[in-house]
C-alpha atoms as a PDB file:
ATOM      1  CA  MET A   1      91.088  99.538  57.425  1.00  0.00           C
ATOM      2  CA  ASN A   2      89.897  96.446  59.211  1.00  0.00           C
ATOM      3  CA  GLU A   3      89.909  96.606  62.997  1.00  0.00           C
ATOM      4  CA  SER A   4      92.168  93.529  63.230  1.00  0.00           C
ATOM      5  CA  ILE A   5      94.931  95.401  61.387  1.00  0.00           C
ATOM      6  CA  THR A   6      96.812  97.900  63.501  1.00  0.00           C
ATOM      7  CA  PRO A   7     100.067  99.778  62.938  1.00  0.00           C
ATOM      8  CA  GLU A   8     101.587  97.756  65.790  1.00  0.00           C
ATOM      9  CA  LYS A   9     101.288  94.548  63.718  1.00  0.00           C
ATOM     10  CA  SER A  10     102.880  95.859  60.531  1.00  0.00           C
ATOM     11  CA  GLY A  11     106.562  95.444  59.801  1.00  0.00           C
ATOM     12  CA  HIS A  12     109.146  93.811  57.555  1.00  0.00           C
ATOM     13  CA  VAL A  13     109.695  90.118  56.943  1.00  0.00           C
ATOM     14  CA  TYR A  14     113.256  89.633  55.710  1.00  0.00           C
ATOM     15  CA  ILE A  15     115.678  87.066  54.353  1.00  0.00           C
ATOM     16  CA  MET A  16     119.343  87.406  55.314  1.00  0.00           C
ATOM     17  CA  THR A  17     122.370  85.607  53.992  1.00  0.00           C
ATOM     18  CA  ASN A  18     125.908  85.278  55.312  1.00  0.00           C
ATOM     19  CA  HIS A  19     128.871  84.467  53.069  1.00  0.00           C
ATOM     20  CA  ALA A  20     130.413  82.456  55.917  1.00  0.00           C
ATOM     21  CA  MET A  21     127.292  80.279  56.281  1.00  0.00           C
ATOM     22  CA  LYS A  22     126.768  78.653  52.932  1.00  0.00           C
ATOM     23  CA  ASN A  23     123.497  76.897  52.073  1.00  0.00           C
ATOM     24  CA  MET A  24     121.707  78.614  54.950  1.00  0.00           C
ATOM     25  CA  VAL A  25     119.411  81.656  55.271  1.00  0.00           C
ATOM     26  CA  LYS A  26     117.843  83.538  58.169  1.00  0.00           C
ATOM     27  CA  ILE A  27     114.120  84.304  57.924  1.00  0.00           C
ATOM     28  CA  GLY A  28     112.783  86.753  60.485  1.00  0.00           C
ATOM     29  CA  MET A  29     110.739  89.853  61.116  1.00  0.00           C
ATOM     30  CA  THR A  30     111.342  93.330  62.496  1.00  0.00           C
ATOM     31  CA  LYS A  31     109.237  96.421  63.024  1.00  0.00           C
ATOM     32  CA  GLY A  32     112.267  98.590  62.378  1.00  0.00           C
ATOM     33  CA  SER A  33     114.821  98.606  59.570  1.00  0.00           C
ATOM     34  CA  PRO A  34     116.032  95.202  58.289  1.00  0.00           C
ATOM     35  CA  GLU A  35     119.408  96.782  57.453  1.00  0.00           C
ATOM     36  CA  GLN A  36     119.789  97.978  61.053  1.00  0.00           C
ATOM     37  CA  ARG A  37     118.774  94.516  62.259  1.00  0.00           C
ATOM     38  CA  ALA A  38     121.517  93.023  60.053  1.00  0.00           C
ATOM     39  CA  ARG A  39     124.087  95.376  61.563  1.00  0.00           C
ATOM     40  CA  ASP A  40     122.925  94.537  65.085  1.00  0.00           C
ATOM     41  CA  ILE A  41     123.444  90.785  64.681  1.00  0.00           C
ATOM     42  CA  SER A  42     126.720  91.103  62.720  1.00  0.00           C
ATOM     43  CA  GLY A  43     128.835  91.086  65.836  1.00  0.00           C
ATOM     44  CA  THR A  44     131.992  89.281  66.845  1.00  0.00           C
ATOM     45  CA  GLY A  45     130.012  86.105  67.522  1.00  0.00           C
ATOM     46  CA  VAL A  46     129.536  85.335  63.825  1.00  0.00           C
ATOM     47  CA  PRO A  47     132.310  84.754  61.263  1.00  0.00           C
ATOM     48  CA  GLY A  48     130.796  87.035  58.612  1.00  0.00           C
ATOM     49  CA  TYR A  49     128.430  89.958  58.095  1.00  0.00           C
ATOM     50  CA  TRP A  50     124.713  89.456  57.524  1.00  0.00           C
ATOM     51  CA  CYS A  51     123.248  90.972  54.347  1.00  0.00           C
ATOM     52  CA  VAL A  52     119.581  91.635  53.604  1.00  0.00           C
ATOM     53  CA  ASN A  53     118.754  89.452  50.596  1.00  0.00           C
ATOM     54  CA  TYR A  54     115.038  90.268  50.546  1.00  0.00           C
ATOM     55  CA  LYS A  55     112.571  92.299  52.588  1.00  0.00           C
ATOM     56  CA  LEU A  56     108.819  92.846  52.354  1.00  0.00           C
ATOM     57  CA  TRP A  57     106.573  95.122  54.360  1.00  0.00           C
ATOM     58  CA  VAL A  58     103.392  93.301  55.448  1.00  0.00           C
ATOM     59  CA  MET A  59     100.360  94.168  57.534  1.00  0.00           C
ATOM     60  CA  ASP A  60     101.015  91.422  60.104  1.00  0.00           C
ATOM     61  CA  CYS A  61     104.718  90.625  60.090  1.00  0.00           C
ATOM     62  CA  ARG A  62     104.554  88.187  62.997  1.00  0.00           C
ATOM     63  CA  TRP A  63     101.902  86.031  61.293  1.00  0.00           C
ATOM     64  CA  VAL A  64     103.710  85.970  57.940  1.00  0.00           C
ATOM     65  CA  GLU A  65     106.953  85.032  59.690  1.00  0.00           C
ATOM     66  CA  TRP A  66     105.196  82.306  61.705  1.00  0.00           C
ATOM     67  CA  SER A  67     103.545  80.871  58.591  1.00  0.00           C
ATOM     68  CA  THR A  68     106.835  80.853  56.677  1.00  0.00           C
ATOM     69  CA  HIS A  69     108.641  79.165  59.559  1.00  0.00           C
ATOM     70  CA  ARG A  70     105.935  76.526  59.766  1.00  0.00           C
ATOM     71  CA  TYR A  71     106.031  75.927  56.036  1.00  0.00           C
ATOM     72  CA  PHE A  72     109.797  75.311  56.154  1.00  0.00           C
ATOM     73  CA  SER A  73     109.690  73.493  59.518  1.00  0.00           C
ATOM     74  CA  GLU A  74     111.344  70.354  58.110  1.00  0.00           C
ATOM     75  CA  LEU A  75     114.236  72.456  56.783  1.00  0.00           C
ATOM     76  CA  ARG A  76     114.847  74.311  60.018  1.00  0.00           C
ATOM     77  CA  VAL A  77     118.340  73.892  61.443  1.00  0.00           C
ATOM     78  CA  ASP A  78     117.172  74.315  65.049  1.00  0.00           C
ATOM     79  CA  LYS A  79     113.686  74.820  66.446  1.00  0.00           C
ATOM     80  CA  SER A  80     114.825  77.753  68.586  1.00  0.00           C
ATOM     81  CA  ARG A  81     116.659  79.493  65.713  1.00  0.00           C
ATOM     82  CA  GLU A  82     115.525  81.204  62.515  1.00  0.00           C
ATOM     83  CA  PHE A  83     117.967  79.408  60.186  1.00  0.00           C
ATOM     84  CA  PHE A  84     116.786  77.278  57.276  1.00  0.00           C
ATOM     85  CA  ARG A  85     118.449  75.217  54.551  1.00  0.00           C
ATOM     86  CA  VAL A  86     116.428  76.643  51.676  1.00  0.00           C
ATOM     87  CA  ASP A  87     117.147  78.672  48.584  1.00  0.00           C
ATOM     88  CA  PRO A  88     116.560  82.429  49.105  1.00  0.00           C
ATOM     89  CA  LYS A  89     114.547  82.680  45.876  1.00  0.00           C
ATOM     90  CA  VAL A  90     112.186  79.961  47.063  1.00  0.00           C
ATOM     91  CA  ALA A  91     111.807  81.660  50.450  1.00  0.00           C
ATOM     92  CA  GLN A  92     110.938  84.903  48.645  1.00  0.00           C
ATOM     93  CA  VAL A  93     108.103  83.194  46.775  1.00  0.00           C
ATOM     94  CA  VAL A  94     106.708  81.704  49.989  1.00  0.00           C
ATOM     95  CA  ILE A  95     106.845  85.019  51.886  1.00  0.00           C
ATOM     96  CA  LYS A  96     105.211  86.863  48.978  1.00  0.00           C
ATOM     97  CA  HIS A  97     102.474  84.225  48.781  1.00  0.00           C
ATOM     98  CA  PHE A  98     101.668  84.527  52.489  1.00  0.00           C
ATOM     99  CA  ALA A  99     101.652  88.332  52.256  1.00  0.00           C
ATOM    100  CA  ASP A 100      99.232  88.268  49.306  1.00  0.00           C
ATOM    101  CA  SER A 101      97.061  85.661  51.007  1.00  0.00           C
ATOM    102  CA  LEU A 102      96.944  87.776  54.150  1.00  0.00           C
ATOM    103  CA  LEU A 103      95.776  90.745  52.090  1.00  0.00           C
ATOM    104  CA  ASP A 104      93.023  88.622  50.544  1.00  0.00           C
ATOM    105  CA  LEU A 105      92.130  87.252  53.956  1.00  0.00           C
ATOM    106  CA  MET A 106      91.693  90.732  55.397  1.00  0.00           C
ATOM    107  CA  THR A 107      89.183  91.695  52.717  1.00  0.00           C
ATOM    108  CA  SER A 108      86.615  89.216  54.035  1.00  0.00           C
ATOM    109  CA  THR A 109      84.860  89.639  57.387  1.00  0.00           C
ATOM    110  CA  LYS A 110      85.072  85.943  58.266  1.00  0.00           C
ATOM    111  CA  GLY A 111      88.739  85.806  57.301  1.00  0.00           C
ATOM    112  CA  ALA A 112      89.506  88.835  59.440  1.00  0.00           C
ATOM    113  CA  GLN A 113      87.754  87.212  62.406  1.00  0.00           C
ATOM    114  CA  ASP A 114      89.728  83.996  61.920  1.00  0.00           C
ATOM    115  CA  HIS A 115      92.930  85.959  61.653  1.00  0.00           C
ATOM    116  CA  ALA A 116      92.199  87.827  64.882  1.00  0.00           C
ATOM    117  CA  GLY A 117      92.155  84.494  66.784  1.00  0.00           C
ATOM    118  CA  SER A 118      95.025  82.888  68.619  1.00  0.00           C
ATOM    119  CA  GLU A 119      98.199  82.084  66.717  1.00  0.00           C
ATOM    120  CA  GLU A 120      97.922  78.372  67.558  1.00  0.00           C
ATOM    121  CA  ASN A 121      94.583  78.090  65.741  1.00  0.00           C
ATOM    122  CA  ARG A 122      95.802  79.743  62.547  1.00  0.00           C
ATOM    123  CA  GLN A 123      96.599  77.413  59.687  1.00  0.00           C
ATOM    124  CA  PRO A 124      99.291  78.491  57.239  1.00  0.00           C
ATOM    125  CA  PHE A 125      98.661  78.297  53.517  1.00  0.00           C
ATOM    126  CA  SER A 126     100.462  75.843  51.253  1.00  0.00           C
ATOM    127  CA  PRO A 127     101.917  77.656  48.248  1.00  0.00           C
ATOM    128  CA  ASP A 128     101.803  75.553  45.112  1.00  0.00           C
ATOM    129  CA  ILE A 129     105.455  75.916  44.120  1.00  0.00           C
ATOM    130  CA  ASP A 130     108.367  73.635  43.422  1.00  0.00           C
ATOM    131  CA  TRP A 131     110.873  74.265  46.170  1.00  0.00           C
ATOM    132  CA  TYR A 132     114.079  72.490  47.016  1.00  0.00           C
ATOM    133  CA  VAL A 133     116.661  72.469  49.743  1.00  0.00           C
ATOM    134  CA  TYR A 134     120.266  73.383  49.479  1.00  0.00           C
ATOM    135  CA  PRO A 135     122.666  70.492  48.890  1.00  0.00           C
ATOM    136  CA  GLU A 136     125.332  69.887  51.472  1.00  0.00           C
ATOM    137  CA  ARG A 137     128.181  72.342  51.361  1.00  0.00           C
ATOM    138  CA  GLU A 138     130.537  71.444  48.584  1.00  0.00           C
ATOM    139  CA  GLU A 139     134.192  70.772  49.238  1.00  0.00           C
ATOM    140  CA  VAL A 140     136.456  73.789  48.919  1.00  0.00           C
ATOM    141  CA  ASP A 141     140.100  73.931  48.006  1.00  0.00           C
ATOM    142  CA  PRO A 142     142.074  74.342  51.268  1.00  0.00           C
ATOM    143  CA  LYS A 143     144.730  76.456  49.531  1.00  0.00           C
ATOM    144  CA  ALA A 144     142.129  78.772  47.994  1.00  0.00           C
ATOM    145  CA  GLU A 145     140.302  79.015  51.308  1.00  0.00           C
ATOM    146  CA  ALA A 146     143.558  79.801  53.134  1.00  0.00           C
ATOM    147  CA  GLU A 147     144.439  82.442  50.530  1.00  0.00           C
ATOM    148  CA  ARG A 148     141.000  84.018  50.902  1.00  0.00           C
ATOM    149  CA  HIS A 149     141.374  84.159  54.689  1.00  0.00           C
ATOM    150  CA  ARG A 150     144.897  85.585  54.317  1.00  0.00           C
ATOM    151  CA  LYS A 151     143.661  88.391  52.060  1.00  0.00           C
ATOM    152  CA  LEU A 152     140.757  89.072  54.406  1.00  0.00           C
ATOM    153  CA  PHE A 153     143.142  89.194  57.374  1.00  0.00           C
ATOM    154  CA  GLU A 154     145.489  91.579  55.532  1.00  0.00           C
ATOM    155  CA  TYR A 155     142.591  93.814  54.574  1.00  0.00           C
ATOM    156  CA  GLU A 156     141.300  93.948  58.167  1.00  0.00           C
ATOM    157  CA  LYS A 157     144.859  94.507  59.437  1.00  0.00           C
ATOM    158  CA  ASN A 158     145.394  97.362  56.966  1.00  0.00           C
ATOM    159  CA  GLU A 159     142.071  98.869  57.990  1.00  0.00           C
ATOM    160  CA  GLU A 160     143.113  98.643  61.635  1.00  0.00           C
ATOM    161  CA  LEU A 161     146.483 100.252  60.874  1.00  0.00           C
ATOM    162  CA  ARG A 162     144.800 103.047  58.931  1.00  0.00           C
ATOM    163  CA  GLU A 163     142.436 103.617  61.834  1.00  0.00           C
ATOM    164  CA  LEU A 164     145.360 103.760  64.274  1.00  0.00           C
ATOM    165  CA  ARG A 165     147.183 106.184  61.978  1.00  0.00           C
ATOM    166  CA  ARG A 166     144.142 108.434  61.774  1.00  0.00           C
ATOM    167  CA  GLU A 167     143.838 108.332  65.568  1.00  0.00           C
ATOM    168  CA  GLU A 168     147.511 109.259  65.996  1.00  0.00           C
ATOM    169  CA  GLU A 169     147.168 112.129  63.523  1.00  0.00           C
ATOM    170  CA  ARG A 170     144.107 113.364  65.382  1.00  0.00           C
ATOM    171  CA  LYS A 171     145.969 113.260  68.720  1.00  0.00           C
ATOM    172  CA  ALA A 172     148.985 115.052  67.173  1.00  0.00           C
ATOM    173  CA  ARG A 173     146.708 117.760  65.750  1.00  0.00           C
ATOM    174  CA  LEU A 174     145.034 118.243  69.124  1.00  0.00           C
ATOM    175  CA  GLN A 175     148.446 118.434  70.781  1.00  0.00           C
ATOM    176  CA  ARG A 176     149.618 121.107  68.312  1.00  0.00           C
ATOM    177  CA  GLU A 177     146.443 123.099  68.855  1.00  0.00           C
ATOM    178  CA  ARG A 178     146.880 122.835  72.627  1.00  0.00           C
ATOM    179  CA  GLU A 179     150.503 123.985  72.418  1.00  0.00           C
ATOM    180  CA  ASP A 180     149.572 126.906  70.155  1.00  0.00           C
ATOM    181  CA  PHE A 181     146.853 127.944  72.587  1.00  0.00           C
ATOM    182  CA  GLU A 182     149.197 127.717  75.566  1.00  0.00           C
ATOM    183  CA  ARG A 183     151.837 129.742  73.714  1.00  0.00           C
ATOM    184  CA  ARG A 184     149.342 132.483  72.812  1.00  0.00           C
ATOM    185  CA  GLU A 185     147.954 132.502  76.341  1.00  0.00           C
ATOM    186  CA  LYS A 186     151.441 132.753  77.829  1.00  0.00           C
ATOM    187  CA  SER A 187     152.287 135.617  75.499  1.00  0.00           C
ATOM    188  CA  ARG A 188     149.096 137.403  76.496  1.00  0.00           C
ATOM    189  CA  LEU A 189     149.712 136.937  80.211  1.00  0.00           C
ATOM    190  CA  ASP A 190     153.318 138.116  79.912  1.00  0.00           C
ATOM    191  CA  GLY A 191     151.967 141.652  79.497  1.00  0.00           C
ATOM    192  CA  PHE A 192     150.524 141.456  83.029  1.00  0.00           C
ATOM    193  CA  LYS A 193     153.438 139.667  84.582  1.00  0.00           C
ATOM    194  CA  VAL A 194     155.196 141.231  87.640  1.00  0.00           C
ATOM    195  CA  VAL A 195     158.683 142.037  86.407  1.00  0.00           C
ATOM    196  CA  LYS A 196     160.266 144.715  88.652  1.00  0.00           C
ATOM    197  CA  THR A 197     160.369 145.890  92.244  1.00  0.00           C
ATOM    198  CA  ILE A 198     161.745 149.435  92.654  1.00  0.00           C
ATOM    199  CA  MET A 199     162.155 152.192  95.264  1.00  0.00           C
ATOM    200  CA  GLN A 200     159.775 155.099  94.584  1.00  0.00           C
ATOM    201  CA  GLN A 201     159.714 158.607  96.106  1.00  0.00           C
ATOM    202  CA  CYS A 202     156.388 160.326  96.623  1.00  0.00           C
ATOM    203  CA  ASP A 203     156.045 163.718  94.916  1.00  0.00           C
ATOM    204  CA  ARG A 204     153.901 165.119  97.737  1.00  0.00           C
ATOM    205  CA  CYS A 205     155.378 163.854 101.015  1.00  0.00           C
ATOM    206  CA  ASN A 206     158.837 163.031  99.660  1.00  0.00           C
ATOM    207  CA  ARG A 207     158.838 159.709 101.437  1.00  0.00           C
ATOM    208  CA  ASP A 208     160.396 156.634  99.924  1.00  0.00           C
ATOM    209  CA  PHE A 209     158.449 153.406  99.529  1.00  0.00           C
ATOM    210  CA  THR A 210     158.908 150.104  97.752  1.00  0.00           C
ATOM    211  CA  VAL A 211     156.559 149.219  94.942  1.00  0.00           C
ATOM    212  CA  THR A 212     156.236 146.212  92.662  1.00  0.00           C
ATOM    213  CA  LEU A 213     155.219 147.194  89.161  1.00  0.00           C
ATOM    214  CA  MET A 214     153.689 145.239  86.346  1.00  0.00           C
ATOM    215  CA  ARG A 215     154.578 145.857  82.740  1.00  0.00           C
ATOM    216  CA  HIS A 216     151.390 147.758  81.938  1.00  0.00           C
ATOM    217  CA  GLU A 217     151.545 150.023  85.040  1.00  0.00           C
ATOM    218  CA  GLN A 218     152.937 153.547  84.700  1.00  0.00           C
ATOM    219  CA  GLY A 219     153.238 154.451  88.376  1.00  0.00           C
ATOM    220  CA  ALA A 220     152.078 153.728  91.938  1.00  0.00           C
ATOM    221  CA  ARG A 221     150.227 155.374  94.841  1.00  0.00           C
ATOM    222  CA  CYS A 222     152.060 156.419  97.980  1.00  0.00           C
ATOM    223  CA  PRO A 223     150.999 154.275 100.959  1.00  0.00           C
ATOM    224  CA  PHE A 224     151.354 157.337 103.252  1.00  0.00           C
ATOM    225  CA  CYS A 225     149.440 160.079 101.434  1.00  0.00           C
ATOM    226  CA  ASN A 226     147.732 158.118  98.643  1.00  0.00           C
ATOM    227  CA  GLN A 227     149.293 160.353  96.012  1.00  0.00           C
ATOM    228  CA  PHE A 228     149.822 158.778  92.602  1.00  0.00           C
ATOM    229  CA  SER A 229     153.426 159.149  91.460  1.00  0.00           C
ATOM    230  CA  PRO A 230     154.446 158.243  87.924  1.00  0.00           C
ATOM    231  CA  THR A 231     157.575 156.187  87.413  1.00  0.00           C
ATOM    232  CA  GLN A 232     160.194 156.102  84.696  1.00  0.00           C
ATOM    233  CA  VAL A 233     161.073 152.434  84.325  1.00  0.00           C
ATOM    234  CA  SER A 234     162.889 150.961  81.356  1.00  0.00           C
ATOM    235  CA  TRP A 235     161.716 147.417  80.765  1.00  0.00           C
END
């Protein structure tokens, strides 16, 4: 392996699409999983979920991403964002071309030295392909769009209701288990519960004393002579 290629530079270059953002794609890079990256950015701040349309593992993901962004610079929606008005299939061809060119570049010593330089001095390649931009978003039927949103709202509402129902069933099950445990514990402790206080006569000194008996006890010791005296108690 060439010294300019390190595991820290490798990663995925991806293309993501969003059904709520027609005629627009997101081109970026990640050293982790593109699917996890899509889940991370599919928050409440966007109207739809991001889907990975294409991904490619490359030796230098940052350089391939930078070259692709520069190639599509005129189609970039905003300079500080990774959104482009370009067809995903065309973007795939460009990314694949830069990845293959990078592999060829790494095989030569001079190319590897040029690649190891600063990012500002690197010149991206120009793939010889016929590419085109997306047309402006076509008009949609308001009734069809409203019906689609209504169905989506009902689906999300039903999912929320099902989740609430599952949560209520879980709480009810935990409550039943807690009540069963408390009932068994109470039944167990009832065997040790203090239930009677009686007057007992000692068999040795014939003195009377008061004793409080539990259900499992069969007698008591005399506080005067310490003699154990059995009792006949009907519970």
